[in-house]
N, C-alpha and C. Protein backbone atom coordinates (compact mmCIF):
# COMPACT_ATOMS: atom_id res chain seq x y z
N UNK A 1 0.95 -1.05 0.14
CA UNK A 1 0.02 0.38 0.03
C UNK A 1 0.96 1.22 -0.14
N UNK A 2 0.52 2.13 -0.85
CA UNK A 2 1.38 3.38 -1.10
C UNK A 2 1.13 4.22 0.19
N UNK A 3 1.43 5.72 -0.14
CA UNK A 3 1.22 7.02 0.80
C UNK A 3 -0.43 6.95 0.58
N UNK A 4 -0.83 7.29 1.61
CA UNK A 4 -2.25 7.70 1.28
C UNK A 4 -2.77 9.08 1.80
N UNK A 5 -2.83 10.04 0.78
CA UNK A 5 -3.13 11.56 1.50
C UNK A 5 -4.68 11.38 1.55
N UNK A 6 -5.59 11.02 1.27
CA UNK A 6 -6.88 11.38 1.79
C UNK A 6 -7.60 10.18 1.37
N UNK A 7 -8.71 9.87 2.45
CA UNK A 7 -9.69 8.50 2.32
C UNK A 7 -10.29 8.99 0.71
N UNK A 8 -10.70 10.28 0.80
CA UNK A 8 -11.75 10.40 -0.56
C UNK A 8 -10.68 9.74 -2.16
N UNK A 9 -9.40 9.97 -2.29
CA UNK A 9 -8.67 9.51 -3.02
C UNK A 9 -9.00 8.12 -3.11
N UNK A 10 -8.84 7.06 -1.77
CA UNK A 10 -9.20 5.89 -2.38
C UNK A 10 -10.71 5.29 -3.04
N UNK A 11 -11.49 6.55 -2.65
CA UNK A 11 -12.92 5.96 -3.48
C UNK A 11 -12.95 6.54 -4.74
N UNK A 12 -12.38 7.73 -5.28
CA UNK A 12 -12.08 8.41 -6.53
C UNK A 12 -11.51 6.98 -7.35
N UNK A 13 -10.39 6.12 -6.19
CA UNK A 13 -9.83 5.04 -7.22
C UNK A 13 -10.41 4.16 -7.54
N UNK A 14 -11.48 3.79 -6.50
CA UNK A 14 -12.51 3.04 -6.68
C UNK A 14 -13.36 3.15 -7.61
N UNK A 15 -13.58 4.13 -7.86
CA UNK A 15 -14.84 4.49 -9.10
C UNK A 15 -14.27 4.44 -9.85
N UNK A 16 -12.51 4.94 -10.34
CA UNK A 16 -12.01 5.02 -11.91
C UNK A 16 -12.14 3.17 -12.31
N UNK A 17 -11.72 2.69 -10.88
CA UNK A 17 -11.89 0.94 -11.47
C UNK A 17 -12.47 0.23 -11.83
N UNK A 18 -13.95 0.81 -11.24
CA UNK A 18 -15.39 0.17 -11.55
C UNK A 18 -15.61 1.13 -13.04
N UNK A 19 -15.21 1.91 -13.29
CA UNK A 19 -15.33 2.71 -14.60
C UNK A 19 -14.64 2.08 -15.80
N UNK A 20 -13.42 1.39 -15.49
CA UNK A 20 -12.38 0.31 -16.22
C UNK A 20 -13.16 -0.42 -16.26
N UNK A 21 -13.95 -1.28 -15.45
CA UNK A 21 -14.76 -2.63 -15.85
C UNK A 21 -15.51 -2.42 -16.28
N UNK A 22 -16.28 -0.84 -16.60
CA UNK A 22 -17.76 -0.83 -17.22
C UNK A 22 -17.12 -0.69 -18.50
N UNK A 23 -15.90 -0.07 -18.79
CA UNK A 23 -15.07 -0.11 -20.01
C UNK A 23 -15.37 -1.51 -20.73
N UNK A 24 -14.47 -2.18 -20.05
CA UNK A 24 -14.51 -3.61 -20.60
C UNK A 24 -15.47 -4.14 -20.77
N UNK A 25 -16.73 -4.61 -19.75
CA UNK A 25 -17.75 -5.35 -20.26
C UNK A 25 -18.81 -4.57 -21.57
N UNK A 26 -18.55 -2.93 -21.53
CA UNK A 26 -19.45 -2.74 -22.74
C UNK A 26 -18.52 -2.94 -23.91
N UNK A 27 -17.34 -2.97 -23.86
CA UNK A 27 -16.36 -3.23 -25.09
C UNK A 27 -16.56 -5.04 -25.44
N UNK A 28 -16.87 -5.62 -24.56
CA UNK A 28 -17.26 -6.96 -24.67
C UNK A 28 -18.41 -7.16 -25.48
N UNK A 29 -19.33 -6.18 -24.94
CA UNK A 29 -20.48 -6.45 -25.57
C UNK A 29 -20.62 -6.16 -27.21
N UNK A 30 -19.71 -4.89 -27.60
CA UNK A 30 -19.68 -4.71 -28.77
C UNK A 30 -18.93 -5.61 -29.39
N UNK A 31 -18.00 -6.31 -28.96
CA UNK A 31 -17.22 -7.36 -29.48
C UNK A 31 -18.14 -8.56 -30.02
N UNK A 32 -19.21 -8.93 -29.16
CA UNK A 32 -20.17 -9.97 -29.11
C UNK A 32 -21.35 -9.41 -30.12
N UNK A 33 -21.28 -8.25 -30.66
CA UNK A 33 -22.56 -7.93 -31.60
C UNK A 33 -23.01 -9.18 -32.46
N UNK A 34 -21.96 -9.91 -33.19
CA UNK A 34 -22.53 -11.14 -33.95
C UNK A 34 -22.70 -12.17 -33.27
N UNK A 35 -22.49 -12.81 -32.07
CA UNK A 35 -22.65 -14.27 -31.21
C UNK A 35 -23.96 -14.41 -31.04
N UNK A 36 -24.52 -14.98 -31.53
CA UNK A 36 -25.55 -15.80 -31.42
C UNK A 36 -26.24 -15.86 -29.96
N UNK A 37 -27.06 -15.62 -29.09
CA UNK A 37 -27.38 -15.64 -28.00
C UNK A 37 -26.73 -15.11 -26.66
N UNK A 38 -25.97 -14.19 -27.32
CA UNK A 38 -25.18 -13.27 -26.49
C UNK A 38 -25.90 -12.50 -25.67
N UNK A 39 -26.03 -12.08 -24.56
CA UNK A 39 -26.69 -11.21 -23.80
C UNK A 39 -25.81 -9.87 -23.28
N UNK A 40 -26.29 -8.85 -23.36
CA UNK A 40 -25.43 -7.68 -23.25
C UNK A 40 -25.55 -7.60 -21.86
N UNK A 41 -24.01 -7.09 -21.43
CA UNK A 41 -23.85 -7.35 -19.43
C UNK A 41 -23.69 -6.32 -19.49
N UNK A 42 -23.62 -5.37 -18.32
CA UNK A 42 -23.42 -4.27 -17.58
C UNK A 42 -22.55 -4.47 -16.22
N UNK A 43 -22.41 -3.02 -15.53
CA UNK A 43 -22.19 -3.18 -13.93
C UNK A 43 -22.62 -1.98 -13.38
N UNK A 44 -23.19 -2.23 -12.11
CA UNK A 44 -23.53 -1.56 -11.31
C UNK A 44 -22.94 -0.97 -10.32
N UNK A 45 -21.75 -0.23 -11.07
CA UNK A 45 -21.09 0.47 -9.93
C UNK A 45 -21.10 1.07 -8.98
N UNK A 46 -22.07 1.59 -8.62
CA UNK A 46 -22.37 2.14 -7.09
C UNK A 46 -22.72 1.61 -6.05
N UNK A 47 -23.05 0.37 -6.41
CA UNK A 47 -22.91 -0.85 -5.20
C UNK A 47 -21.43 -1.34 -4.78
N UNK A 48 -20.55 -1.21 -6.36
CA UNK A 48 -19.26 -1.57 -5.64
C UNK A 48 -18.80 -0.38 -4.92
N UNK A 49 -19.17 0.85 -4.99
CA UNK A 49 -18.20 2.27 -4.38
C UNK A 49 -19.11 2.27 -3.15
N UNK A 50 -20.27 2.10 -2.94
CA UNK A 50 -20.84 1.73 -1.58
C UNK A 50 -20.12 0.61 -0.78
N UNK A 51 -19.37 0.03 -1.41
CA UNK A 51 -19.11 -1.60 -0.51
C UNK A 51 -17.69 -0.70 -0.19
N UNK A 52 -16.80 -0.29 -1.39
CA UNK A 52 -15.70 0.27 -0.91
C UNK A 52 -15.58 1.72 0.04
N UNK A 53 -16.54 2.30 0.12
CA UNK A 53 -17.11 3.33 1.23
C UNK A 53 -17.01 2.89 2.78
N UNK A 54 -17.66 1.64 2.62
CA UNK A 54 -18.10 0.72 4.05
C UNK A 54 -16.24 0.57 4.66
N UNK A 55 -15.69 -0.06 3.48
CA UNK A 55 -14.07 -0.46 4.01
C UNK A 55 -13.29 0.74 4.12
N UNK A 56 -13.65 1.85 3.76
CA UNK A 56 -12.70 3.05 3.90
C UNK A 56 -12.85 3.76 4.95
N UNK A 57 -14.00 4.09 5.10
CA UNK A 57 -14.56 4.83 6.39
C UNK A 57 -15.38 3.93 7.65
N UNK A 58 -15.76 2.89 7.31
CA UNK A 58 -16.53 2.28 8.30
C UNK A 58 -17.63 1.98 8.21
N UNK A 59 -18.32 0.91 8.63
CA UNK A 59 -20.08 1.24 8.59
C UNK A 59 -20.55 0.81 9.89
N UNK A 60 -20.37 2.02 10.99
CA UNK A 60 -21.01 1.70 12.40
C UNK A 60 -22.17 1.90 12.53
N UNK A 61 -22.94 2.41 11.51
CA UNK A 61 -24.54 3.37 11.54
C UNK A 61 -24.98 1.67 10.96
N UNK A 62 -24.84 0.91 10.10
CA UNK A 62 -25.70 -0.34 9.80
C UNK A 62 -26.21 0.41 8.61
N UNK A 63 -26.00 1.41 8.04
CA UNK A 63 -26.84 2.19 6.92
C UNK A 63 -25.71 1.95 5.82
N UNK A 64 -26.08 1.83 4.55
CA UNK A 64 -25.34 1.50 3.15
C UNK A 64 -25.37 2.86 2.65
N UNK A 65 -25.95 4.14 3.07
CA UNK A 65 -26.31 5.14 2.40
C UNK A 65 -24.84 6.36 2.81
N UNK A 66 -24.58 6.72 1.72
CA UNK A 66 -23.53 7.87 2.18
C UNK A 66 -24.11 9.03 2.27
N UNK A 67 -24.23 9.64 3.29
CA UNK A 67 -25.08 10.76 4.06
C UNK A 67 -24.35 11.96 3.29
N UNK A 68 -25.32 13.23 2.89
CA UNK A 68 -24.91 14.21 2.25
C UNK A 68 -24.86 15.19 3.46
N UNK A 69 -23.86 15.99 3.37
CA UNK A 69 -23.63 17.43 4.56
C UNK A 69 -24.77 17.96 4.19
N UNK A 70 -25.44 18.48 5.38
CA UNK A 70 -26.47 19.74 5.42
C UNK A 70 -26.03 20.73 6.32
N UNK A 71 -25.30 21.61 6.02
CA UNK A 71 -25.00 22.53 6.73
C UNK A 71 -26.15 23.99 7.17
N UNK A 72 -27.30 23.85 6.56
CA UNK A 72 -28.49 24.68 6.49
C UNK A 72 -29.25 24.10 6.38
N UNK A 73 -30.37 24.46 7.43
CA UNK A 73 -31.74 23.56 7.25
C UNK A 73 -32.65 23.89 6.11
N UNK A 74 -31.97 25.02 5.14
CA UNK A 74 -32.71 25.52 4.10
C UNK A 74 -32.43 24.91 2.65
N UNK A 75 -31.64 23.87 3.21
CA UNK A 75 -30.55 23.31 1.92
C UNK A 75 -31.71 22.14 1.70
N UNK A 76 -31.37 21.32 0.46
CA UNK A 76 -32.23 20.50 0.48
C UNK A 76 -31.80 19.03 0.46
N UNK A 77 -32.26 18.15 0.95
CA UNK A 77 -31.90 16.57 1.66
C UNK A 77 -31.44 16.23 0.48
N UNK A 78 -30.49 14.92 0.58
CA UNK A 78 -29.79 13.86 -0.74
C UNK A 78 -31.21 13.13 -1.02
N UNK A 79 -30.94 12.66 -2.25
CA UNK A 79 -32.00 11.43 -2.59
C UNK A 79 -32.14 10.59 -1.58
N UNK A 80 -32.80 9.58 -1.65
CA UNK A 80 -32.88 8.56 -0.62
C UNK A 80 -33.59 7.25 -1.03
N UNK A 81 -33.71 7.00 -2.54
CA UNK A 81 -34.59 6.02 -3.04
C UNK A 81 -33.28 5.36 -4.07
N UNK A 82 -32.29 5.29 -3.51
CA UNK A 82 -31.27 4.16 -4.29
C UNK A 82 -31.21 2.80 -3.65
N UNK A 83 -31.30 1.98 -4.63
CA UNK A 83 -31.54 0.95 -4.03
C UNK A 83 -30.32 -0.41 -4.64
N UNK A 84 -29.55 -0.37 -3.23
CA UNK A 84 -28.07 -1.19 -3.26
C UNK A 84 -28.27 -2.64 -3.48
N UNK A 85 -29.52 -3.27 -3.73
CA UNK A 85 -29.32 -5.04 -3.52
C UNK A 85 -29.38 -5.64 -4.91
N UNK A 86 -28.92 -4.62 -6.07
CA UNK A 86 -28.80 -5.16 -7.28
C UNK A 86 -27.42 -5.72 -7.18
N UNK A 87 -27.10 -6.90 -7.99
CA UNK A 87 -25.97 -7.23 -7.95
C UNK A 87 -24.75 -6.63 -9.08
N UNK A 88 -23.46 -6.90 -8.89
CA UNK A 88 -22.56 -5.79 -9.59
C UNK A 88 -22.67 -5.72 -10.95
N UNK A 89 -22.46 -7.14 -11.35
CA UNK A 89 -22.56 -7.25 -13.13
C UNK A 89 -23.65 -8.33 -13.02
N UNK A 90 -24.29 -7.49 -14.32
CA UNK A 90 -25.74 -8.31 -14.70
C UNK A 90 -26.06 -7.98 -16.01
N UNK A 91 -27.19 -8.78 -16.66
CA UNK A 91 -27.73 -8.92 -17.64
C UNK A 91 -28.28 -7.58 -18.39
N UNK A 92 -28.25 -7.05 -18.79
CA UNK A 92 -29.28 -5.67 -19.18
C UNK A 92 -30.43 -6.27 -19.61
N UNK A 93 -31.77 -5.69 -19.05
CA UNK A 93 -33.04 -6.22 -19.43
C UNK A 93 -33.95 -5.26 -20.37
N UNK A 94 -34.72 -5.46 -20.69
CA UNK A 94 -35.59 -4.30 -21.63
C UNK A 94 -35.11 -4.25 -22.94
N UNK A 95 -33.93 -4.63 -23.29
CA UNK A 95 -33.61 -4.45 -24.86
C UNK A 95 -34.48 -6.20 -25.55
N UNK A 96 -34.67 -5.80 -26.71
CA UNK A 96 -35.62 -6.48 -27.73
C UNK A 96 -34.36 -7.20 -28.20
N UNK A 97 -34.41 -8.94 -28.21
CA UNK A 97 -33.33 -9.84 -29.03
C UNK A 97 -34.04 -9.91 -30.11
N UNK A 98 -32.56 -10.12 -30.90
CA UNK A 98 -32.70 -10.08 -32.31
C UNK A 98 -33.34 -11.54 -32.87
N UNK A 99 -33.49 -11.91 -33.89
CA UNK A 99 -33.67 -13.20 -34.08
C UNK A 99 -32.85 -14.19 -33.66
N UNK A 100 -31.41 -14.08 -33.60
CA UNK A 100 -30.48 -14.89 -32.79
C UNK A 100 -30.51 -15.02 -31.73
N UNK A 101 -31.18 -13.97 -30.85
CA UNK A 101 -30.66 -14.28 -29.44
C UNK A 101 -30.10 -13.63 -28.88
N UNK A 102 -29.29 -12.17 -29.49
CA UNK A 102 -28.24 -11.50 -29.16
C UNK A 102 -29.15 -9.90 -28.79
N UNK A 103 -28.87 -9.46 -27.22
CA UNK A 103 -29.61 -8.47 -27.24
C UNK A 103 -28.98 -7.00 -27.11
N UNK A 104 -27.42 -7.02 -27.90
CA UNK A 104 -26.56 -6.03 -28.33
C UNK A 104 -27.36 -5.16 -28.93
N UNK A 105 -27.40 -3.91 -28.72
CA UNK A 105 -27.66 -2.97 -29.56
C UNK A 105 -26.55 -1.80 -29.47
N UNK A 106 -26.34 -1.53 -31.02
CA UNK A 106 -24.93 -0.96 -30.86
C UNK A 106 -25.21 0.52 -30.51
N UNK A 107 -26.28 1.10 -30.56
CA UNK A 107 -26.46 2.64 -30.67
C UNK A 107 -26.56 2.71 -29.04
N UNK A 108 -26.91 1.36 -28.10
CA UNK A 108 -26.92 1.99 -26.79
C UNK A 108 -25.74 1.66 -26.71
N UNK A 109 -24.74 0.88 -26.91
CA UNK A 109 -23.35 0.71 -26.44
C UNK A 109 -22.46 1.47 -26.59
N UNK A 110 -22.50 2.29 -27.72
CA UNK A 110 -21.98 3.54 -27.86
C UNK A 110 -22.08 4.42 -27.21
N UNK A 111 -23.34 4.60 -26.60
CA UNK A 111 -23.71 5.74 -25.96
C UNK A 111 -23.23 5.74 -24.67
N UNK A 112 -23.44 4.34 -24.29
CA UNK A 112 -23.11 4.09 -23.04
C UNK A 112 -20.98 4.08 -23.02
N UNK A 113 -20.36 3.88 -23.86
CA UNK A 113 -18.88 3.95 -24.10
C UNK A 113 -18.89 5.73 -23.92
N UNK A 114 -19.48 6.39 -24.44
CA UNK A 114 -19.22 7.96 -24.71
C UNK A 114 -19.62 8.56 -22.99
N UNK A 115 -20.84 7.73 -22.42
CA UNK A 115 -21.05 8.54 -20.93
C UNK A 115 -20.15 7.77 -19.58
N UNK A 116 -19.36 6.53 -20.11
CA UNK A 116 -18.55 6.13 -19.46
C UNK A 116 -17.17 6.69 -19.39
N UNK A 117 -16.63 7.20 -20.60
CA UNK A 117 -15.70 8.10 -20.72
C UNK A 117 -15.31 9.15 -20.33
N UNK A 118 -16.77 10.26 -20.16
CA UNK A 118 -16.71 11.49 -19.64
C UNK A 118 -16.85 11.07 -17.78
N UNK A 119 -17.65 10.36 -17.59
CA UNK A 119 -17.23 10.08 -16.08
C UNK A 119 -15.90 9.68 -15.63
N UNK A 120 -15.45 8.81 -16.75
CA UNK A 120 -14.22 8.40 -16.36
C UNK A 120 -12.89 9.55 -16.19
N UNK A 121 -13.22 10.33 -16.98
CA UNK A 121 -12.26 11.89 -17.37
C UNK A 121 -12.57 12.56 -16.01
N UNK A 122 -13.79 12.77 -15.67
CA UNK A 122 -14.32 13.29 -13.96
C UNK A 122 -13.63 12.92 -13.33
N UNK A 123 -13.85 11.61 -12.97
CA UNK A 123 -12.88 11.06 -11.90
C UNK A 123 -11.69 11.37 -11.66
N UNK A 124 -10.73 11.15 -12.85
CA UNK A 124 -9.18 11.12 -13.01
C UNK A 124 -9.11 12.73 -12.77
N UNK A 125 -9.73 13.51 -13.05
CA UNK A 125 -9.42 15.00 -13.10
C UNK A 125 -9.58 15.41 -11.56
N UNK A 126 -10.82 14.92 -10.91
CA UNK A 126 -10.70 15.11 -9.26
C UNK A 126 -9.66 14.44 -8.67
N UNK A 127 -9.27 13.19 -9.19
CA UNK A 127 -7.98 13.00 -8.36
C UNK A 127 -6.86 13.44 -8.48
N UNK A 128 -6.65 14.04 -9.61
CA UNK A 128 -5.23 14.80 -9.88
C UNK A 128 -5.82 16.30 -9.21
N UNK A 129 -6.62 16.60 -9.32
CA UNK A 129 -6.87 18.22 -8.53
C UNK A 129 -6.56 17.91 -6.92
N UNK A 130 -6.80 16.35 -6.39
CA UNK A 130 -6.40 16.36 -5.25
C UNK A 130 -5.42 16.35 -4.79
N UNK A 131 -4.55 15.34 -5.92
CA UNK A 131 -3.01 15.59 -5.78
C UNK A 131 -2.25 16.70 -6.22
N UNK A 132 -2.80 17.76 -6.68
CA UNK A 132 -2.12 19.14 -6.98
C UNK A 132 -2.39 19.86 -5.67
N UNK A 133 -3.42 19.90 -5.16
CA UNK A 133 -3.47 20.24 -3.61
C UNK A 133 -2.67 20.09 -2.80
N UNK A 134 -2.37 18.51 -2.52
CA UNK A 134 -1.78 18.15 -2.04
C UNK A 134 0.05 18.44 -2.09
N UNK A 135 0.12 18.51 -3.47
CA UNK A 135 1.50 18.94 -3.66
C UNK A 135 2.05 20.35 -3.56
N UNK A 136 1.07 21.29 -3.59
CA UNK A 136 0.96 22.74 -3.59
C UNK A 136 1.66 23.06 -1.95
N UNK A 137 0.60 21.93 -1.11
CA UNK A 137 0.87 22.13 0.57
C UNK A 137 2.02 21.75 0.74
N UNK A 138 2.70 20.50 0.22
CA UNK A 138 4.33 19.96 0.28
C UNK A 138 5.25 21.31 -0.16
N UNK A 139 5.05 22.01 -1.19
CA UNK A 139 5.98 22.82 -2.01
C UNK A 139 6.15 24.10 -0.93
N UNK A 140 4.70 24.79 -0.68
CA UNK A 140 4.65 25.50 0.64
C UNK A 140 5.81 25.46 1.90
N UNK A 141 5.44 23.86 2.19
CA UNK A 141 6.00 23.86 3.64
C UNK A 141 7.41 23.82 3.49
N UNK A 142 7.72 23.28 2.21
CA UNK A 142 9.18 23.22 1.74
C UNK A 142 10.00 25.00 1.86
N UNK A 143 9.35 26.13 1.31
CA UNK A 143 9.81 27.23 1.58
C UNK A 143 9.39 27.66 2.73
N UNK A 144 8.98 27.24 3.76
CA UNK A 144 8.80 28.06 4.92
C UNK A 144 9.65 27.52 5.99
């Protein structure tokens, strides 16, 4: 294990790993577009992040919900309708199977690739900004 600057960095890294896993699954779906009876797969990465959050921050409350800080009574409360009972990797439902039983839809898969790439870039940007903040603190400390 390397040097840990923040617990949030570990959570960001877990998010990046889950997004990389999703990239692999969507790419596999596209690669199997002509395979008879192949069922499109996806990953529920939110469940993986909840498990990682429990591991990093502990779960003394018994709740699998990451609470949103509410510093003012006028603030809106966070969403509470997330269902974490889904499995991590699942077959996508609701897509029409072709005559050969394959459920891969190229339009859906390319859309998922684009969304996943955008989220991966956002997570890596957040991780990079956290690193820059830590680096600036180290550099300033060396000057003092």
